[in-house]
Amino acid sequence: MMLCFYSCIGQSKEKTFLAKYEFEDFSQFKNVSVFIRGGDSERNPIIFVDAPHLVRDTSKVGCYVVTLDKKNYQVIKAKWMTESIVNADTLKLQQLAQTFMQYKIPRLNVDEQGNVFVYLKDVETLALARFANENELQKRNKEVKWINIKHNWYKPR
């Protein structure tokens, strides 16, 4: 009974997400990984953004951490996880964090090819994928078997 309950909740999250974002343009997140790492003392979300293409000096790589106001997603604090000063487009990184929060999901990855990976339950459990093209689907099918659930959206078997 409990297994059905959790399965039904998962399917409900999938349907809700797809109803709203089935045709969403995620291109601004290309080659970006963004996820919620927790909250501050006032439960404002702490977002980690990894976008190597926005870092001008790739020898100083690290995640950019943005704390957003939980009500209006305005930036409260932003910093690098590295001790070094990083030359990067921090405004764009902050905007990515703010846009990500609108999806109300724990994690979003978009790879260099434009494949979209959505995590609905937590930051470790892949729920949905949308592949850039048929070749990408076939390539990924060698790693994981995918079940088509709606148009170009899939979930891992």
N, C-alpha and C. Protein backbone atom coordinates (compact mmCIF):
# COMPACT_ATOMS: atom_id res chain seq x y z
N MET A 1 0.83 -1.20 0.00
CA MET A 1 0.00 0.00 0.00
C MET A 1 0.87 1.26 0.00
N MET A 2 1.93 1.27 0.82
CA MET A 2 2.81 2.44 0.89
C MET A 2 3.56 2.64 -0.43
N LEU A 3 3.96 1.53 -1.08
CA LEU A 3 4.66 1.62 -2.35
C LEU A 3 3.78 2.30 -3.39
N CYS A 4 2.54 1.94 -3.45
CA CYS A 4 1.58 2.57 -4.37
C CYS A 4 1.44 4.05 -4.06
N PHE A 5 1.38 4.39 -2.77
CA PHE A 5 1.24 5.78 -2.35
C PHE A 5 2.40 6.62 -2.88
N TYR A 6 3.65 6.15 -2.67
CA TYR A 6 4.82 6.90 -3.13
C TYR A 6 4.91 6.92 -4.64
N SER A 7 4.53 5.85 -5.30
CA SER A 7 4.52 5.79 -6.75
C SER A 7 3.52 6.78 -7.32
N CYS A 8 2.35 6.85 -6.72
CA CYS A 8 1.31 7.78 -7.17
C CYS A 8 1.73 9.22 -6.98
N ILE A 9 2.41 9.51 -5.87
CA ILE A 9 2.91 10.86 -5.63
C ILE A 9 3.94 11.22 -6.69
N GLY A 10 4.84 10.28 -7.00
CA GLY A 10 5.85 10.51 -8.03
C GLY A 10 5.23 10.79 -9.38
N GLN A 11 4.21 10.01 -9.75
CA GLN A 11 3.53 10.22 -11.03
C GLN A 11 2.81 11.56 -11.04
N SER A 12 2.26 11.95 -9.90
CA SER A 12 1.58 13.24 -9.80
C SER A 12 2.57 14.38 -10.02
N LYS A 13 3.77 14.29 -9.45
CA LYS A 13 4.79 15.32 -9.64
C LYS A 13 5.21 15.38 -11.10
N GLU A 14 5.36 14.20 -11.72
CA GLU A 14 5.71 14.15 -13.14
C GLU A 14 4.65 14.86 -13.98
N LYS A 15 3.39 14.51 -13.75
CA LYS A 15 2.30 15.10 -14.52
C LYS A 15 2.22 16.60 -14.31
N THR A 16 2.38 17.04 -13.07
CA THR A 16 2.33 18.47 -12.76
C THR A 16 3.45 19.22 -13.48
N PHE A 17 4.66 18.66 -13.40
CA PHE A 17 5.80 19.30 -14.06
C PHE A 17 5.59 19.37 -15.57
N LEU A 18 5.20 18.25 -16.17
CA LEU A 18 5.02 18.21 -17.62
C LEU A 18 3.86 19.09 -18.08
N ALA A 19 2.81 19.17 -17.29
CA ALA A 19 1.68 20.03 -17.66
C ALA A 19 2.13 21.48 -17.80
N LYS A 20 3.08 21.87 -16.98
CA LYS A 20 3.53 23.26 -16.98
C LYS A 20 4.75 23.50 -17.89
N TYR A 21 5.66 22.51 -17.96
CA TYR A 21 6.95 22.76 -18.63
C TYR A 21 7.28 21.80 -19.77
N GLU A 22 6.27 21.11 -20.29
CA GLU A 22 6.51 20.14 -21.36
C GLU A 22 7.28 20.74 -22.54
N PHE A 23 6.96 21.95 -22.92
CA PHE A 23 7.59 22.58 -24.08
C PHE A 23 8.53 23.72 -23.68
N GLU A 24 8.95 23.73 -22.43
CA GLU A 24 9.84 24.78 -21.91
C GLU A 24 11.16 24.80 -22.68
N ASP A 25 11.67 25.98 -22.91
CA ASP A 25 12.98 26.15 -23.53
C ASP A 25 14.03 26.22 -22.41
N PHE A 26 14.78 25.16 -22.25
CA PHE A 26 15.81 25.09 -21.20
C PHE A 26 17.19 25.49 -21.73
N SER A 27 17.25 26.11 -22.90
CA SER A 27 18.55 26.40 -23.53
C SER A 27 19.44 27.30 -22.68
N GLN A 28 18.87 28.16 -21.86
CA GLN A 28 19.71 29.01 -21.01
C GLN A 28 20.48 28.18 -19.98
N PHE A 29 20.04 26.95 -19.75
CA PHE A 29 20.70 26.06 -18.79
C PHE A 29 21.67 25.08 -19.47
N LYS A 30 21.92 25.28 -20.76
CA LYS A 30 22.82 24.36 -21.49
C LYS A 30 24.19 24.35 -20.83
N ASN A 31 24.68 23.14 -20.54
CA ASN A 31 25.96 22.92 -19.87
C ASN A 31 25.94 23.47 -18.43
N VAL A 32 24.79 23.36 -17.78
CA VAL A 32 24.62 23.85 -16.41
C VAL A 32 24.00 22.77 -15.54
N SER A 33 24.48 22.71 -14.31
CA SER A 33 23.86 21.88 -13.28
C SER A 33 23.49 22.82 -12.14
N VAL A 34 22.25 22.76 -11.70
CA VAL A 34 21.79 23.64 -10.62
C VAL A 34 20.92 22.83 -9.67
N PHE A 35 21.17 22.99 -8.37
CA PHE A 35 20.41 22.23 -7.39
C PHE A 35 20.32 22.94 -6.06
N ILE A 36 19.29 22.58 -5.30
CA ILE A 36 19.09 23.13 -3.96
C ILE A 36 19.93 22.33 -2.99
N ARG A 37 20.74 23.01 -2.21
CA ARG A 37 21.63 22.33 -1.27
C ARG A 37 21.11 22.39 0.17
N GLY A 38 20.05 23.11 0.38
CA GLY A 38 19.49 23.24 1.72
C GLY A 38 18.93 24.63 1.90
N GLY A 39 18.92 25.08 3.15
CA GLY A 39 18.41 26.41 3.45
C GLY A 39 19.22 27.07 4.53
N ASP A 40 19.11 28.38 4.62
CA ASP A 40 19.81 29.09 5.69
C ASP A 40 18.96 29.04 6.96
N SER A 41 19.33 29.81 7.96
CA SER A 41 18.62 29.76 9.24
C SER A 41 17.17 30.22 9.13
N GLU A 42 16.85 30.98 8.09
CA GLU A 42 15.47 31.43 7.88
C GLU A 42 14.76 30.63 6.79
N ARG A 43 15.36 29.50 6.42
CA ARG A 43 14.82 28.56 5.42
C ARG A 43 14.76 29.14 4.01
N ASN A 44 15.62 30.10 3.73
CA ASN A 44 15.78 30.60 2.37
C ASN A 44 16.64 29.58 1.62
N PRO A 45 16.27 29.24 0.38
CA PRO A 45 17.00 28.20 -0.34
C PRO A 45 18.43 28.61 -0.70
N ILE A 46 19.33 27.66 -0.54
CA ILE A 46 20.72 27.82 -0.94
C ILE A 46 20.90 27.00 -2.22
N ILE A 47 21.23 27.67 -3.30
CA ILE A 47 21.31 27.06 -4.62
C ILE A 47 22.77 26.97 -5.06
N PHE A 48 23.17 25.78 -5.53
CA PHE A 48 24.50 25.59 -6.11
C PHE A 48 24.35 25.62 -7.63
N VAL A 49 25.18 26.41 -8.28
CA VAL A 49 25.15 26.52 -9.73
C VAL A 49 26.54 26.15 -10.26
N ASP A 50 26.59 25.16 -11.12
CA ASP A 50 27.83 24.76 -11.77
C ASP A 50 27.67 25.01 -13.26
N ALA A 51 28.35 26.03 -13.76
CA ALA A 51 28.25 26.41 -15.17
C ALA A 51 29.65 26.77 -15.67
N PRO A 52 30.45 25.77 -16.01
CA PRO A 52 31.84 26.02 -16.38
C PRO A 52 32.02 27.00 -17.54
N HIS A 53 31.07 27.04 -18.45
CA HIS A 53 31.21 27.94 -19.60
C HIS A 53 31.08 29.42 -19.22
N LEU A 54 30.60 29.70 -18.02
CA LEU A 54 30.49 31.09 -17.57
C LEU A 54 31.71 31.53 -16.76
N VAL A 55 32.64 30.60 -16.54
CA VAL A 55 33.88 30.90 -15.81
C VAL A 55 34.96 31.19 -16.84
N ARG A 56 35.56 32.36 -16.74
CA ARG A 56 36.56 32.76 -17.73
C ARG A 56 37.92 32.13 -17.46
N ASP A 57 38.23 31.83 -16.22
CA ASP A 57 39.50 31.19 -15.87
C ASP A 57 39.18 29.81 -15.31
N THR A 58 39.26 28.80 -16.17
CA THR A 58 38.82 27.46 -15.77
C THR A 58 39.78 26.77 -14.81
N SER A 59 40.91 27.39 -14.49
CA SER A 59 41.81 26.79 -13.50
C SER A 59 41.26 26.98 -12.08
N LYS A 60 40.28 27.88 -11.95
CA LYS A 60 39.69 28.16 -10.64
C LYS A 60 38.23 27.74 -10.66
N VAL A 61 38.02 26.46 -10.75
CA VAL A 61 36.66 25.94 -10.88
C VAL A 61 36.06 25.65 -9.51
N GLY A 62 34.83 25.94 -9.37
CA GLY A 62 34.09 25.65 -8.15
C GLY A 62 32.64 26.02 -8.38
N CYS A 63 31.79 25.59 -7.48
CA CYS A 63 30.37 25.94 -7.60
C CYS A 63 30.13 27.35 -7.09
N TYR A 64 29.19 27.99 -7.71
CA TYR A 64 28.73 29.30 -7.27
C TYR A 64 27.50 29.06 -6.40
N VAL A 65 27.48 29.65 -5.23
CA VAL A 65 26.41 29.41 -4.26
C VAL A 65 25.59 30.69 -4.09
N VAL A 66 24.28 30.55 -4.31
CA VAL A 66 23.38 31.69 -4.24
C VAL A 66 22.29 31.41 -3.21
N THR A 67 22.13 32.31 -2.26
CA THR A 67 21.02 32.22 -1.30
C THR A 67 19.95 33.20 -1.77
N LEU A 68 18.73 32.66 -1.96
CA LEU A 68 17.63 33.47 -2.46
C LEU A 68 16.55 33.63 -1.39
N ASP A 69 15.89 34.77 -1.41
CA ASP A 69 14.75 34.99 -0.54
C ASP A 69 13.66 33.99 -0.92
N LYS A 70 13.11 33.29 0.06
CA LYS A 70 12.13 32.24 -0.23
C LYS A 70 10.81 32.76 -0.80
N LYS A 71 10.54 34.05 -0.62
CA LYS A 71 9.27 34.60 -1.10
C LYS A 71 9.36 35.17 -2.50
N ASN A 72 10.41 35.94 -2.78
CA ASN A 72 10.48 36.62 -4.07
C ASN A 72 11.70 36.23 -4.91
N TYR A 73 12.52 35.30 -4.39
CA TYR A 73 13.71 34.78 -5.08
C TYR A 73 14.75 35.85 -5.39
N GLN A 74 14.74 36.94 -4.63
CA GLN A 74 15.80 37.94 -4.78
C GLN A 74 17.07 37.41 -4.12
N VAL A 75 18.21 37.80 -4.66
CA VAL A 75 19.50 37.33 -4.15
C VAL A 75 19.78 37.97 -2.79
N ILE A 76 20.01 37.12 -1.80
CA ILE A 76 20.40 37.59 -0.46
C ILE A 76 21.91 37.59 -0.34
N LYS A 77 22.52 36.50 -0.83
CA LYS A 77 23.97 36.34 -0.73
C LYS A 77 24.42 35.47 -1.89
N ALA A 78 25.62 35.73 -2.39
CA ALA A 78 26.19 34.91 -3.46
C ALA A 78 27.70 34.87 -3.28
N LYS A 79 28.28 33.66 -3.46
CA LYS A 79 29.73 33.52 -3.28
C LYS A 79 30.21 32.26 -4.00
N TRP A 80 31.51 32.18 -4.18
CA TRP A 80 32.14 31.00 -4.77
C TRP A 80 32.54 30.04 -3.66
N MET A 81 32.53 28.76 -3.96
CA MET A 81 32.95 27.74 -3.00
C MET A 81 34.47 27.60 -2.94
N THR A 82 35.16 28.28 -3.80
CA THR A 82 36.61 28.23 -3.83
C THR A 82 37.18 29.46 -3.12
N GLU A 83 38.39 29.34 -2.64
CA GLU A 83 39.05 30.47 -1.96
C GLU A 83 39.56 31.50 -2.96
N SER A 84 39.77 31.07 -4.19
CA SER A 84 40.31 31.95 -5.23
C SER A 84 39.26 32.94 -5.72
N ILE A 85 39.74 34.03 -6.24
CA ILE A 85 38.85 34.98 -6.91
C ILE A 85 38.60 34.42 -8.30
N VAL A 86 37.34 34.32 -8.68
CA VAL A 86 36.97 33.71 -9.95
C VAL A 86 36.40 34.78 -10.87
N ASN A 87 36.95 34.82 -12.07
CA ASN A 87 36.47 35.75 -13.08
C ASN A 87 35.35 35.05 -13.85
N ALA A 88 34.11 35.44 -13.58
CA ALA A 88 32.97 34.77 -14.19
C ALA A 88 31.79 35.74 -14.30
N ASP A 89 30.81 35.33 -15.06
CA ASP A 89 29.58 36.11 -15.23
C ASP A 89 28.65 35.79 -14.05
N THR A 90 28.91 36.43 -12.91
CA THR A 90 28.14 36.12 -11.70
C THR A 90 26.69 36.58 -11.79
N LEU A 91 26.43 37.62 -12.54
CA LEU A 91 25.04 38.07 -12.71
C LEU A 91 24.23 36.99 -13.43
N LYS A 92 24.81 36.40 -14.47
CA LYS A 92 24.13 35.33 -15.21
C LYS A 92 23.92 34.11 -14.29
N LEU A 93 24.90 33.79 -13.46
CA LEU A 93 24.77 32.67 -12.52
C LEU A 93 23.63 32.91 -11.54
N GLN A 94 23.51 34.13 -11.05
CA GLN A 94 22.42 34.48 -10.14
C GLN A 94 21.07 34.39 -10.85
N GLN A 95 21.00 34.85 -12.09
CA GLN A 95 19.76 34.77 -12.86
C GLN A 95 19.35 33.31 -13.10
N LEU A 96 20.33 32.45 -13.35
CA LEU A 96 20.03 31.02 -13.53
C LEU A 96 19.41 30.44 -12.27
N ALA A 97 19.97 30.80 -11.12
CA ALA A 97 19.43 30.32 -9.83
C ALA A 97 17.99 30.79 -9.64
N GLN A 98 17.74 32.05 -9.96
CA GLN A 98 16.38 32.60 -9.81
C GLN A 98 15.39 31.91 -10.75
N THR A 99 15.78 31.70 -11.99
CA THR A 99 14.91 31.02 -12.95
C THR A 99 14.65 29.59 -12.52
N PHE A 100 15.70 28.91 -12.08
CA PHE A 100 15.58 27.52 -11.60
C PHE A 100 14.53 27.39 -10.50
N MET A 101 14.48 28.33 -9.58
CA MET A 101 13.54 28.25 -8.45
C MET A 101 12.09 28.27 -8.93
N GLN A 102 11.82 28.87 -10.06
CA GLN A 102 10.45 28.91 -10.58
C GLN A 102 9.93 27.52 -10.92
N TYR A 103 10.83 26.57 -11.21
CA TYR A 103 10.41 25.21 -11.56
C TYR A 103 9.98 24.39 -10.34
N LYS A 104 10.38 24.84 -9.15
CA LYS A 104 10.01 24.16 -7.90
C LYS A 104 10.43 22.68 -7.91
N ILE A 105 11.68 22.46 -8.31
CA ILE A 105 12.28 21.12 -8.32
C ILE A 105 13.61 21.19 -7.59
N PRO A 106 14.12 20.06 -7.09
CA PRO A 106 15.39 20.10 -6.36
C PRO A 106 16.64 20.18 -7.23
N ARG A 107 16.55 19.74 -8.49
CA ARG A 107 17.76 19.72 -9.33
C ARG A 107 17.39 19.71 -10.81
N LEU A 108 18.23 20.39 -11.60
CA LEU A 108 18.08 20.42 -13.05
C LEU A 108 19.47 20.38 -13.67
N ASN A 109 19.66 19.48 -14.62
CA ASN A 109 20.91 19.41 -15.38
C ASN A 109 20.57 19.49 -16.86
N VAL A 110 21.34 20.28 -17.58
CA VAL A 110 21.24 20.30 -19.03
C VAL A 110 22.67 20.16 -19.55
N ASP A 111 22.91 19.13 -20.34
CA ASP A 111 24.29 18.89 -20.79
C ASP A 111 24.62 19.71 -22.04
N GLU A 112 25.84 19.54 -22.55
CA GLU A 112 26.32 20.32 -23.69
C GLU A 112 25.50 20.09 -24.95
N GLN A 113 24.90 18.91 -25.08
CA GLN A 113 24.09 18.60 -26.25
C GLN A 113 22.67 19.16 -26.14
N GLY A 114 22.27 19.61 -24.95
CA GLY A 114 20.93 20.14 -24.74
C GLY A 114 19.95 19.14 -24.17
N ASN A 115 20.46 17.97 -23.75
CA ASN A 115 19.60 17.00 -23.07
C ASN A 115 19.24 17.55 -21.69
N VAL A 116 17.97 17.42 -21.31
CA VAL A 116 17.46 17.99 -20.05
C VAL A 116 17.18 16.84 -19.08
N PHE A 117 17.71 16.98 -17.86
CA PHE A 117 17.51 15.98 -16.82
C PHE A 117 16.87 16.65 -15.60
N VAL A 118 15.68 16.17 -15.25
CA VAL A 118 14.89 16.79 -14.18
C VAL A 118 14.79 15.83 -12.99
N TYR A 119 15.04 16.36 -11.83
CA TYR A 119 14.95 15.61 -10.58
C TYR A 119 13.78 16.18 -9.80
N LEU A 120 12.81 15.35 -9.46
CA LEU A 120 11.59 15.82 -8.79
C LEU A 120 11.54 15.47 -7.31
N LYS A 121 12.09 14.32 -6.95
CA LYS A 121 12.00 13.83 -5.57
C LYS A 121 13.11 14.41 -4.70
N ASP A 122 14.35 14.30 -5.17
CA ASP A 122 15.52 14.80 -4.45
C ASP A 122 16.63 15.04 -5.46
N VAL A 123 17.80 15.47 -4.99
CA VAL A 123 18.89 15.83 -5.91
C VAL A 123 19.60 14.62 -6.49
N GLU A 124 19.26 13.42 -6.03
CA GLU A 124 19.95 12.22 -6.51
C GLU A 124 19.09 11.31 -7.39
N THR A 125 17.79 11.49 -7.40
CA THR A 125 16.89 10.59 -8.11
C THR A 125 16.38 11.22 -9.40
N LEU A 126 16.93 10.77 -10.52
CA LEU A 126 16.50 11.28 -11.82
C LEU A 126 15.07 10.85 -12.09
N ALA A 127 14.22 11.80 -12.44
CA ALA A 127 12.81 11.49 -12.69
C ALA A 127 12.47 11.55 -14.17
N LEU A 128 12.93 12.59 -14.85
CA LEU A 128 12.53 12.83 -16.24
C LEU A 128 13.74 13.25 -17.08
N ALA A 129 13.68 12.92 -18.34
CA ALA A 129 14.71 13.36 -19.28
C ALA A 129 14.05 13.74 -20.60
N ARG A 130 14.58 14.78 -21.21
CA ARG A 130 14.16 15.15 -22.56
C ARG A 130 15.44 15.23 -23.39
N PHE A 131 15.47 14.44 -24.44
CA PHE A 131 16.68 14.34 -25.25
C PHE A 131 16.65 15.32 -26.41
N ALA A 132 17.82 15.84 -26.74
CA ALA A 132 17.94 16.85 -27.78
C ALA A 132 17.53 16.32 -29.15
N ASN A 133 17.77 15.02 -29.37
CA ASN A 133 17.41 14.41 -30.66
C ASN A 133 17.44 12.89 -30.51
N GLU A 134 17.09 12.21 -31.58
CA GLU A 134 17.02 10.74 -31.56
C GLU A 134 18.39 10.11 -31.31
N ASN A 135 19.43 10.70 -31.87
CA ASN A 135 20.78 10.16 -31.64
C ASN A 135 21.16 10.18 -30.16
N GLU A 136 20.80 11.26 -29.48
CA GLU A 136 21.09 11.35 -28.05
C GLU A 136 20.31 10.29 -27.27
N LEU A 137 19.06 10.08 -27.65
CA LEU A 137 18.26 9.04 -27.00
C LEU A 137 18.91 7.68 -27.19
N GLN A 138 19.32 7.38 -28.41
CA GLN A 138 19.94 6.07 -28.68
C GLN A 138 21.26 5.92 -27.92
N LYS A 139 22.02 6.98 -27.85
CA LYS A 139 23.29 6.94 -27.11
C LYS A 139 23.02 6.70 -25.62
N ARG A 140 22.04 7.38 -25.08
CA ARG A 140 21.70 7.24 -23.65
C ARG A 140 21.03 5.91 -23.35
N ASN A 141 20.40 5.31 -24.36
CA ASN A 141 19.76 4.01 -24.18
C ASN A 141 20.77 2.91 -23.88
N LYS A 142 22.02 3.16 -24.22
CA LYS A 142 23.08 2.19 -23.91
C LYS A 142 23.42 2.21 -22.42
N GLU A 143 23.17 3.34 -21.77
CA GLU A 143 23.45 3.51 -20.34
C GLU A 143 22.26 3.07 -19.48
N VAL A 144 21.09 3.52 -19.87
CA VAL A 144 19.84 3.30 -19.12
C VAL A 144 18.73 3.06 -20.13
N LYS A 145 17.79 2.22 -19.80
CA LYS A 145 16.61 2.04 -20.66
C LYS A 145 15.58 3.10 -20.26
N TRP A 146 15.01 3.73 -21.27
CA TRP A 146 14.08 4.83 -21.03
C TRP A 146 12.68 4.46 -21.47
N ILE A 147 11.69 4.93 -20.72
CA ILE A 147 10.28 4.73 -21.04
C ILE A 147 9.73 6.08 -21.50
N ASN A 148 9.17 6.12 -22.70
CA ASN A 148 8.57 7.35 -23.21
C ASN A 148 7.26 7.59 -22.48
N ILE A 149 7.12 8.77 -21.88
CA ILE A 149 5.88 9.05 -21.15
C ILE A 149 5.04 10.14 -21.81
N LYS A 150 5.69 11.05 -22.55
CA LYS A 150 4.92 12.09 -23.22
C LYS A 150 5.83 12.80 -24.23
N HIS A 151 5.42 12.79 -25.48
CA HIS A 151 6.20 13.39 -26.56
C HIS A 151 7.68 13.02 -26.43
N ASN A 152 8.53 14.00 -26.19
CA ASN A 152 9.97 13.74 -26.11
C ASN A 152 10.46 13.61 -24.66
N TRP A 153 9.57 13.35 -23.73
CA TRP A 153 9.96 13.18 -22.33
C TRP A 153 9.99 11.70 -21.98
N TYR A 154 11.01 11.33 -21.23
CA TYR A 154 11.24 9.94 -20.84
C TYR A 154 11.52 9.85 -19.36
N LYS A 155 11.36 8.65 -18.82
CA LYS A 155 11.79 8.39 -17.46
C LYS A 155 12.60 7.10 -17.47
N PRO A 156 13.54 6.99 -16.53
CA PRO A 156 14.34 5.77 -16.50
C PRO A 156 13.51 4.57 -16.09
N ARG A 157 13.81 3.43 -16.68
CA ARG A 157 13.07 2.20 -16.37
C ARG A 157 13.52 1.70 -15.02
